[in-house]
Amino acid sequence: MSTLSPPLLPPVPQTESLLSPSPTPPPVPPLSTPTPNSENPGAGDGAEIDTAEMVRTRGVGAAGREVVEVMKRKGGGQKVVIRFKAIGSAPIMKQNMYRITSSHKFQAVVTFLRKELGMAGSAGSLFCYINASFAPAPDDVVANLFKCFQTDGHLIVNYSTAIAWG
């Protein structure tokens, strides 16, 4: 009875090493970021922002605001679906699925939830968990949470008036 052995790979030539860099690495292109057009900010994919020039001519605050505005126009409109689920004795919402801008921090979700539950002015406790497992930090960005913990295309936020998990 003969057994077949797996095919062998050809030997690596002695002149090349698998882990050594090439003799002359290719040049690295300079980093550039998109810039607004002088007449139409945010227009054109080939335009670039010269942040150093913006800071020199307009100051740090104006340059920062302009970059933020360009970024908002390019991708700030994306929304994610959030599904709220009550835990324990927490009040149940009539509508439990909402869309929120992905660039918001999780604190905006908690504030919205408190308002919807009628707890906006009260000092009552509200605990929020992602996928019934952990409580995210208030400064976590919703897009990051959605990207990492989405289930069936939406982010599940469990809420309770008492501590539920760890």
N, C-alpha and C. Protein backbone atom coordinates (compact mmCIF):
# COMPACT_ATOMS: atom_id res chain seq x y z
N MET A 1 0.83 -1.16 0.00
CA MET A 1 0.00 0.00 0.00
C MET A 1 0.89 1.24 0.00
N SER A 2 0.73 2.06 -1.00
CA SER A 2 1.59 3.23 -1.07
C SER A 2 0.80 4.47 -0.65
N THR A 3 1.45 5.35 0.09
CA THR A 3 0.81 6.58 0.53
C THR A 3 1.35 7.74 -0.30
N LEU A 4 0.47 8.63 -0.62
CA LEU A 4 0.88 9.79 -1.40
C LEU A 4 1.34 10.90 -0.46
N SER A 5 2.44 11.46 -0.78
CA SER A 5 2.93 12.58 0.04
C SER A 5 2.55 13.88 -0.66
N PRO A 6 2.39 14.97 0.11
CA PRO A 6 2.02 16.23 -0.51
C PRO A 6 3.13 16.72 -1.44
N PRO A 7 2.77 17.45 -2.48
CA PRO A 7 3.81 17.92 -3.41
C PRO A 7 4.74 18.89 -2.71
N LEU A 8 5.99 18.83 -3.10
CA LEU A 8 6.99 19.70 -2.51
C LEU A 8 7.11 20.98 -3.33
N LEU A 9 7.34 22.08 -2.63
CA LEU A 9 7.54 23.36 -3.30
C LEU A 9 8.96 23.43 -3.83
N PRO A 10 9.16 24.14 -4.92
CA PRO A 10 10.53 24.25 -5.43
C PRO A 10 11.39 25.04 -4.45
N PRO A 11 12.67 24.76 -4.39
CA PRO A 11 13.54 25.47 -3.44
C PRO A 11 13.67 26.94 -3.83
N VAL A 12 13.88 27.77 -2.84
CA VAL A 12 14.07 29.20 -3.04
C VAL A 12 15.50 29.42 -3.52
N PRO A 13 15.66 30.21 -4.58
CA PRO A 13 17.04 30.46 -5.04
C PRO A 13 17.85 31.14 -3.95
N GLN A 14 19.11 30.83 -3.90
CA GLN A 14 19.97 31.36 -2.85
C GLN A 14 20.20 32.87 -2.98
N THR A 15 20.01 33.43 -4.17
CA THR A 15 20.26 34.85 -4.35
C THR A 15 19.13 35.71 -3.77
N GLU A 16 17.96 35.12 -3.54
CA GLU A 16 16.84 35.88 -3.00
C GLU A 16 16.53 35.41 -1.58
N SER A 17 16.10 36.31 -0.81
CA SER A 17 15.64 35.97 0.53
C SER A 17 14.19 36.41 0.64
N LEU A 18 13.39 35.62 1.28
CA LEU A 18 11.97 35.93 1.37
C LEU A 18 11.70 37.15 2.25
N LEU A 19 12.52 37.40 3.24
CA LEU A 19 12.24 38.47 4.18
C LEU A 19 13.11 39.70 4.01
N SER A 20 14.07 39.65 3.13
CA SER A 20 14.94 40.82 2.99
C SER A 20 14.29 41.84 2.05
N PRO A 21 14.53 43.12 2.30
CA PRO A 21 13.94 44.14 1.43
C PRO A 21 14.62 44.16 0.08
N SER A 22 13.93 44.75 -0.88
CA SER A 22 14.52 44.85 -2.21
C SER A 22 15.72 45.81 -2.14
N PRO A 23 16.67 45.70 -3.05
CA PRO A 23 17.87 46.52 -2.98
C PRO A 23 17.56 48.02 -2.98
N THR A 24 16.64 48.47 -3.80
CA THR A 24 16.27 49.88 -3.80
C THR A 24 14.75 49.97 -3.65
N PRO A 25 14.29 50.40 -2.48
CA PRO A 25 12.84 50.46 -2.29
C PRO A 25 12.22 51.53 -3.17
N PRO A 26 10.99 51.32 -3.61
CA PRO A 26 10.34 52.32 -4.46
C PRO A 26 10.09 53.59 -3.66
N PRO A 27 10.10 54.74 -4.33
CA PRO A 27 9.88 56.00 -3.61
C PRO A 27 8.46 56.06 -3.05
N VAL A 28 8.34 56.64 -1.88
CA VAL A 28 7.04 56.78 -1.23
C VAL A 28 6.44 58.11 -1.64
N PRO A 29 5.20 58.10 -2.18
CA PRO A 29 4.59 59.38 -2.58
C PRO A 29 4.27 60.22 -1.36
N PRO A 30 4.31 61.55 -1.47
CA PRO A 30 3.99 62.40 -0.32
C PRO A 30 2.51 62.29 0.03
N LEU A 31 2.23 62.44 1.31
CA LEU A 31 0.85 62.38 1.77
C LEU A 31 0.14 63.66 1.38
N SER A 32 -1.09 63.52 0.95
CA SER A 32 -1.89 64.70 0.63
C SER A 32 -3.32 64.44 1.05
N THR A 33 -4.02 65.49 1.38
CA THR A 33 -5.42 65.37 1.77
C THR A 33 -6.26 66.21 0.83
N PRO A 34 -7.51 65.80 0.58
CA PRO A 34 -8.34 66.55 -0.34
C PRO A 34 -8.59 67.96 0.17
N THR A 35 -8.67 68.93 -0.76
CA THR A 35 -8.93 70.31 -0.37
C THR A 35 -10.12 70.86 -1.09
N PRO A 36 -10.69 71.87 -0.48
CA PRO A 36 -11.81 72.51 -1.14
C PRO A 36 -11.32 73.39 -2.29
N ASN A 37 -12.16 73.51 -3.28
CA ASN A 37 -11.91 74.40 -4.40
C ASN A 37 -12.14 75.83 -3.92
N SER A 38 -11.46 76.82 -4.49
CA SER A 38 -11.61 78.18 -4.00
C SER A 38 -13.02 78.71 -4.21
N GLU A 39 -13.68 78.30 -5.30
CA GLU A 39 -15.04 78.77 -5.55
C GLU A 39 -16.08 77.86 -4.93
N ASN A 40 -15.83 76.57 -4.93
CA ASN A 40 -16.81 75.61 -4.42
C ASN A 40 -16.12 74.68 -3.44
N PRO A 41 -16.16 74.95 -2.14
CA PRO A 41 -15.45 74.11 -1.17
C PRO A 41 -15.93 72.67 -1.23
N GLY A 42 -14.97 71.76 -1.20
CA GLY A 42 -15.28 70.33 -1.19
C GLY A 42 -15.50 69.77 -2.57
N ALA A 43 -15.44 70.59 -3.61
CA ALA A 43 -15.69 70.10 -4.96
C ALA A 43 -14.43 69.49 -5.54
N GLY A 44 -14.61 68.49 -6.34
CA GLY A 44 -13.50 67.89 -7.06
C GLY A 44 -12.76 66.88 -6.22
N ASP A 45 -12.49 65.72 -6.84
CA ASP A 45 -11.77 64.68 -6.11
C ASP A 45 -10.27 64.90 -6.15
N GLY A 46 -9.77 65.63 -7.16
CA GLY A 46 -8.34 65.81 -7.29
C GLY A 46 -7.80 66.99 -6.50
N ALA A 47 -8.66 67.80 -5.94
CA ALA A 47 -8.21 68.97 -5.19
C ALA A 47 -7.55 68.53 -3.89
N GLU A 48 -6.63 69.34 -3.39
CA GLU A 48 -5.94 69.01 -2.16
C GLU A 48 -5.98 70.17 -1.19
N ILE A 49 -5.96 69.87 0.11
CA ILE A 49 -5.94 70.89 1.15
C ILE A 49 -4.50 71.11 1.57
N ASP A 50 -4.06 72.34 1.54
CA ASP A 50 -2.74 72.68 2.06
C ASP A 50 -2.97 73.27 3.45
N THR A 51 -3.00 72.39 4.46
CA THR A 51 -3.34 72.83 5.80
C THR A 51 -2.33 73.82 6.36
N ALA A 52 -1.07 73.67 6.02
CA ALA A 52 -0.06 74.61 6.52
C ALA A 52 -0.34 76.01 5.99
N GLU A 53 -0.67 76.10 4.71
CA GLU A 53 -0.99 77.41 4.11
C GLU A 53 -2.26 77.99 4.73
N MET A 54 -3.26 77.13 5.00
CA MET A 54 -4.50 77.60 5.63
C MET A 54 -4.23 78.18 7.01
N VAL A 55 -3.38 77.51 7.77
CA VAL A 55 -3.08 77.97 9.12
C VAL A 55 -2.35 79.31 9.05
N ARG A 56 -1.40 79.45 8.11
CA ARG A 56 -0.66 80.71 7.98
C ARG A 56 -1.56 81.86 7.57
N THR A 57 -2.48 81.62 6.65
CA THR A 57 -3.28 82.73 6.12
C THR A 57 -4.54 83.01 6.94
N ARG A 58 -5.16 81.99 7.49
CA ARG A 58 -6.44 82.18 8.17
C ARG A 58 -6.41 81.92 9.67
N GLY A 59 -5.38 81.31 10.18
CA GLY A 59 -5.31 80.98 11.59
C GLY A 59 -5.75 79.55 11.83
N VAL A 60 -5.43 79.03 12.99
CA VAL A 60 -5.71 77.64 13.32
C VAL A 60 -7.21 77.37 13.38
N GLY A 61 -7.95 78.25 14.04
CA GLY A 61 -9.38 78.03 14.22
C GLY A 61 -10.14 77.98 12.90
N ALA A 62 -9.88 78.92 12.00
CA ALA A 62 -10.58 78.97 10.72
C ALA A 62 -10.19 77.78 9.85
N ALA A 63 -8.92 77.41 9.85
CA ALA A 63 -8.47 76.27 9.06
C ALA A 63 -9.11 74.99 9.56
N GLY A 64 -9.16 74.83 10.87
CA GLY A 64 -9.78 73.63 11.44
C GLY A 64 -11.25 73.53 11.12
N ARG A 65 -11.95 74.68 11.21
CA ARG A 65 -13.38 74.67 10.89
C ARG A 65 -13.62 74.32 9.42
N GLU A 66 -12.77 74.83 8.54
CA GLU A 66 -12.94 74.56 7.12
C GLU A 66 -12.70 73.08 6.81
N VAL A 67 -11.69 72.48 7.41
CA VAL A 67 -11.42 71.06 7.20
C VAL A 67 -12.58 70.22 7.73
N VAL A 68 -13.12 70.59 8.89
CA VAL A 68 -14.25 69.85 9.46
C VAL A 68 -15.46 69.94 8.53
N GLU A 69 -15.72 71.12 7.98
CA GLU A 69 -16.85 71.30 7.07
C GLU A 69 -16.69 70.44 5.82
N VAL A 70 -15.48 70.38 5.27
CA VAL A 70 -15.23 69.56 4.09
C VAL A 70 -15.48 68.09 4.41
N MET A 71 -15.00 67.64 5.55
CA MET A 71 -15.18 66.24 5.93
C MET A 71 -16.66 65.92 6.17
N LYS A 72 -17.42 66.86 6.74
CA LYS A 72 -18.85 66.64 6.96
C LYS A 72 -19.57 66.48 5.63
N ARG A 73 -19.21 67.30 4.66
CA ARG A 73 -19.87 67.22 3.37
C ARG A 73 -19.54 65.92 2.66
N LYS A 74 -18.34 65.41 2.86
CA LYS A 74 -17.94 64.20 2.15
C LYS A 74 -18.53 62.93 2.74
N GLY A 75 -18.60 62.78 4.05
CA GLY A 75 -19.06 61.51 4.60
C GLY A 75 -19.83 61.62 5.89
N GLY A 76 -20.20 62.82 6.28
CA GLY A 76 -20.88 62.99 7.55
C GLY A 76 -22.35 62.63 7.51
N GLY A 77 -22.91 62.38 6.33
CA GLY A 77 -24.33 62.12 6.23
C GLY A 77 -24.70 60.66 6.38
N GLN A 78 -23.74 59.78 6.57
CA GLN A 78 -24.05 58.37 6.69
C GLN A 78 -24.78 58.10 7.99
N LYS A 79 -25.78 57.26 7.91
CA LYS A 79 -26.57 56.94 9.10
C LYS A 79 -26.49 55.45 9.37
N VAL A 80 -26.67 55.09 10.64
CA VAL A 80 -26.73 53.69 11.03
C VAL A 80 -28.04 53.45 11.76
N VAL A 81 -28.50 52.22 11.73
CA VAL A 81 -29.75 51.85 12.39
C VAL A 81 -29.42 51.33 13.78
N ILE A 82 -30.12 51.89 14.77
CA ILE A 82 -29.94 51.46 16.16
C ILE A 82 -31.25 50.85 16.63
N ARG A 83 -31.16 49.69 17.25
CA ARG A 83 -32.34 49.01 17.78
C ARG A 83 -32.22 48.99 19.30
N PHE A 84 -33.23 49.53 19.97
CA PHE A 84 -33.23 49.59 21.43
C PHE A 84 -34.03 48.41 21.99
N LYS A 85 -33.49 47.77 23.02
CA LYS A 85 -34.16 46.67 23.69
C LYS A 85 -34.15 46.94 25.19
N ALA A 86 -35.34 46.87 25.80
CA ALA A 86 -35.46 47.10 27.23
C ALA A 86 -35.01 45.87 28.01
N ILE A 87 -34.43 46.10 29.18
CA ILE A 87 -33.99 45.02 30.07
C ILE A 87 -34.65 45.23 31.41
N GLY A 88 -35.11 44.17 32.03
CA GLY A 88 -35.68 44.25 33.37
C GLY A 88 -36.93 45.12 33.42
N SER A 89 -36.96 46.06 34.34
CA SER A 89 -38.15 46.89 34.54
C SER A 89 -38.08 48.22 33.79
N ALA A 90 -37.20 48.34 32.83
CA ALA A 90 -37.09 49.57 32.04
C ALA A 90 -38.33 49.71 31.16
N PRO A 91 -38.79 50.94 30.97
CA PRO A 91 -39.97 51.13 30.12
C PRO A 91 -39.69 50.71 28.68
N ILE A 92 -40.69 50.12 28.04
CA ILE A 92 -40.55 49.64 26.66
C ILE A 92 -40.96 50.76 25.71
N MET A 93 -40.21 50.94 24.66
CA MET A 93 -40.50 51.97 23.67
C MET A 93 -41.48 51.43 22.63
N LYS A 94 -42.37 52.29 22.15
CA LYS A 94 -43.31 51.88 21.11
C LYS A 94 -42.58 51.62 19.80
N GLN A 95 -41.66 52.49 19.47
CA GLN A 95 -40.82 52.29 18.30
C GLN A 95 -39.41 52.03 18.82
N ASN A 96 -38.79 50.95 18.36
CA ASN A 96 -37.49 50.61 18.92
C ASN A 96 -36.34 50.70 17.93
N MET A 97 -36.61 51.07 16.67
CA MET A 97 -35.53 51.20 15.69
C MET A 97 -35.47 52.63 15.19
N TYR A 98 -34.26 53.21 15.22
CA TYR A 98 -34.04 54.59 14.80
C TYR A 98 -32.78 54.65 13.96
N ARG A 99 -32.67 55.70 13.14
CA ARG A 99 -31.46 55.97 12.36
C ARG A 99 -30.77 57.17 12.98
N ILE A 100 -29.45 57.07 13.13
CA ILE A 100 -28.67 58.16 13.71
C ILE A 100 -27.43 58.38 12.86
N THR A 101 -26.98 59.61 12.81
CA THR A 101 -25.77 59.93 12.06
C THR A 101 -24.58 59.20 12.69
N SER A 102 -23.80 58.56 11.85
CA SER A 102 -22.72 57.71 12.35
C SER A 102 -21.59 58.48 13.02
N SER A 103 -21.49 59.78 12.76
CA SER A 103 -20.39 60.54 13.35
C SER A 103 -20.68 61.00 14.78
N HIS A 104 -21.89 60.78 15.28
CA HIS A 104 -22.23 61.17 16.65
C HIS A 104 -21.52 60.29 17.66
N LYS A 105 -21.31 60.83 18.83
CA LYS A 105 -20.76 60.04 19.93
C LYS A 105 -21.89 59.28 20.60
N PHE A 106 -21.54 58.23 21.35
CA PHE A 106 -22.56 57.40 21.99
C PHE A 106 -23.37 58.20 23.01
N GLN A 107 -22.81 59.27 23.55
CA GLN A 107 -23.53 60.12 24.50
C GLN A 107 -24.80 60.68 23.85
N ALA A 108 -24.76 60.96 22.54
CA ALA A 108 -25.94 61.46 21.84
C ALA A 108 -27.04 60.39 21.82
N VAL A 109 -26.66 59.13 21.72
CA VAL A 109 -27.63 58.03 21.75
C VAL A 109 -28.28 57.96 23.13
N VAL A 110 -27.47 58.08 24.18
CA VAL A 110 -27.99 58.02 25.55
C VAL A 110 -28.92 59.21 25.80
N THR A 111 -28.54 60.38 25.36
CA THR A 111 -29.38 61.57 25.54
C THR A 111 -30.71 61.40 24.81
N PHE A 112 -30.67 60.91 23.58
CA PHE A 112 -31.89 60.67 22.82
C PHE A 112 -32.77 59.64 23.52
N LEU A 113 -32.17 58.57 24.00
CA LEU A 113 -32.93 57.53 24.69
C LEU A 113 -33.59 58.07 25.95
N ARG A 114 -32.88 58.86 26.72
CA ARG A 114 -33.46 59.47 27.93
C ARG A 114 -34.66 60.34 27.58
N LYS A 115 -34.53 61.10 26.48
CA LYS A 115 -35.64 61.95 26.05
C LYS A 115 -36.84 61.11 25.63
N GLU A 116 -36.62 60.06 24.87
CA GLU A 116 -37.70 59.20 24.40
C GLU A 116 -38.41 58.47 25.55
N LEU A 117 -37.66 58.15 26.59
CA LEU A 117 -38.24 57.44 27.74
C LEU A 117 -38.85 58.39 28.76
N GLY A 118 -38.72 59.69 28.53
CA GLY A 118 -39.26 60.67 29.46
C GLY A 118 -38.41 60.84 30.70
N MET A 119 -37.13 60.56 30.59
CA MET A 119 -36.21 60.66 31.72
C MET A 119 -35.24 61.82 31.55
N ALA A 120 -35.52 62.73 30.60
CA ALA A 120 -34.57 63.80 30.28
C ALA A 120 -34.30 64.71 31.47
N GLY A 121 -35.33 65.09 32.22
CA GLY A 121 -35.13 66.02 33.33
C GLY A 121 -34.92 65.33 34.66
N SER A 122 -35.14 64.03 34.71
CA SER A 122 -35.03 63.32 35.99
C SER A 122 -33.59 62.90 36.27
N ALA A 123 -33.34 62.59 37.51
CA ALA A 123 -32.01 62.16 37.92
C ALA A 123 -31.92 60.63 37.96
N GLY A 124 -32.92 59.94 37.39
CA GLY A 124 -32.93 58.48 37.40
C GLY A 124 -31.78 57.92 36.57
N SER A 125 -31.34 56.75 36.95
CA SER A 125 -30.23 56.10 36.27
C SER A 125 -30.70 55.40 35.00
N LEU A 126 -29.86 55.43 33.98
CA LEU A 126 -30.11 54.70 32.75
C LEU A 126 -28.78 54.07 32.33
N PHE A 127 -28.79 52.76 32.21
CA PHE A 127 -27.58 52.02 31.84
C PHE A 127 -27.78 51.46 30.44
N CYS A 128 -26.79 51.67 29.57
CA CYS A 128 -26.87 51.20 28.19
C CYS A 128 -25.75 50.20 27.92
N TYR A 129 -26.08 49.18 27.15
CA TYR A 129 -25.14 48.12 26.82
C TYR A 129 -25.22 47.82 25.32
N ILE A 130 -24.13 47.42 24.73
CA ILE A 130 -24.10 47.01 23.34
C ILE A 130 -24.16 45.48 23.29
N ASN A 131 -25.13 44.95 22.56
CA ASN A 131 -25.32 43.51 22.38
C ASN A 131 -25.37 42.75 23.71
N ALA A 132 -25.95 43.36 24.72
CA ALA A 132 -26.12 42.75 26.04
C ALA A 132 -24.80 42.26 26.63
N SER A 133 -23.72 42.99 26.35
CA SER A 133 -22.45 42.51 26.88
C SER A 133 -21.59 43.58 27.54
N PHE A 134 -21.52 44.78 27.01
CA PHE A 134 -20.64 45.78 27.62
C PHE A 134 -21.25 47.17 27.48
N ALA A 135 -20.84 48.05 28.38
CA ALA A 135 -21.29 49.44 28.36
C ALA A 135 -20.22 50.28 27.66
N PRO A 136 -20.53 50.87 26.51
CA PRO A 136 -19.52 51.67 25.82
C PRO A 136 -19.28 53.00 26.53
N ALA A 137 -18.14 53.58 26.29
CA ALA A 137 -17.81 54.90 26.84
C ALA A 137 -18.66 55.96 26.13
N PRO A 138 -19.04 57.00 26.83
CA PRO A 138 -19.86 58.05 26.19
C PRO A 138 -19.18 58.72 25.00
N ASP A 139 -17.85 58.72 24.95
CA ASP A 139 -17.17 59.37 23.84
C ASP A 139 -16.83 58.43 22.69
N ASP A 140 -17.32 57.18 22.72
CA ASP A 140 -17.15 56.27 21.59
C ASP A 140 -17.99 56.77 20.43
N VAL A 141 -17.45 56.69 19.23
CA VAL A 141 -18.17 57.13 18.03
C VAL A 141 -19.09 56.00 17.58
N VAL A 142 -20.32 56.37 17.23
CA VAL A 142 -21.34 55.38 16.84
C VAL A 142 -20.87 54.56 15.63
N ALA A 143 -20.19 55.19 14.67
CA ALA A 143 -19.71 54.47 13.49
C ALA A 143 -18.75 53.34 13.87
N ASN A 144 -17.87 53.59 14.84
CA ASN A 144 -16.93 52.55 15.27
C ASN A 144 -17.66 51.41 15.95
N LEU A 145 -18.63 51.73 16.81
CA LEU A 145 -19.40 50.69 17.49
C LEU A 145 -20.18 49.87 16.47
N PHE A 146 -20.78 50.56 15.49
CA PHE A 146 -21.55 49.87 14.46
C PHE A 146 -20.65 48.95 13.64
N LYS A 147 -19.50 49.46 13.26
CA LYS A 147 -18.57 48.68 12.44
C LYS A 147 -18.13 47.40 13.15
N CYS A 148 -17.90 47.49 14.45
CA CYS A 148 -17.37 46.36 15.20
C CYS A 148 -18.45 45.41 15.74
N PHE A 149 -19.64 45.95 16.08
CA PHE A 149 -20.60 45.15 16.82
C PHE A 149 -21.98 45.07 16.18
N GLN A 150 -22.11 45.39 14.91
CA GLN A 150 -23.42 45.34 14.28
C GLN A 150 -23.93 43.90 14.19
N THR A 151 -25.24 43.75 14.23
CA THR A 151 -25.90 42.47 14.09
C THR A 151 -27.03 42.64 13.10
N ASP A 152 -26.99 41.92 12.01
CA ASP A 152 -28.02 41.99 10.97
C ASP A 152 -28.24 43.41 10.48
N GLY A 153 -27.20 44.19 10.35
CA GLY A 153 -27.29 45.52 9.80
C GLY A 153 -27.73 46.61 10.76
N HIS A 154 -27.83 46.30 12.05
CA HIS A 154 -28.15 47.34 13.01
C HIS A 154 -27.42 47.10 14.32
N LEU A 155 -27.27 48.18 15.08
CA LEU A 155 -26.56 48.14 16.36
C LEU A 155 -27.59 47.95 17.47
N ILE A 156 -27.45 46.91 18.25
CA ILE A 156 -28.41 46.64 19.33
C ILE A 156 -27.92 47.32 20.60
N VAL A 157 -28.77 48.20 21.15
CA VAL A 157 -28.47 48.90 22.39
C VAL A 157 -29.50 48.44 23.42
N ASN A 158 -29.04 47.70 24.42
CA ASN A 158 -29.90 47.28 25.52
C ASN A 158 -29.86 48.36 26.58
N TYR A 159 -31.00 48.66 27.19
CA TYR A 159 -31.03 49.70 28.23
C TYR A 159 -31.81 49.21 29.44
N SER A 160 -31.42 49.74 30.60
CA SER A 160 -32.01 49.31 31.85
C SER A 160 -31.94 50.47 32.85
N THR A 161 -32.82 50.42 33.86
CA THR A 161 -32.78 51.43 34.92
C THR A 161 -31.95 50.95 36.11
N ALA A 162 -31.51 49.72 36.06
CA ALA A 162 -30.63 49.15 37.09
C ALA A 162 -29.46 48.47 36.40
N ILE A 163 -28.37 48.30 37.11
CA ILE A 163 -27.20 47.64 36.51
C ILE A 163 -27.58 46.22 36.13
N ALA A 164 -27.34 45.86 34.87
CA ALA A 164 -27.72 44.55 34.38
C ALA A 164 -26.52 43.62 34.23
N TRP A 165 -25.46 44.12 33.59
CA TRP A 165 -24.27 43.31 33.39
C TRP A 165 -23.06 44.08 33.88
N GLY A 166 -22.17 43.37 34.55
CA GLY A 166 -20.91 43.82 35.06
C GLY A 166 -20.63 45.23 35.15
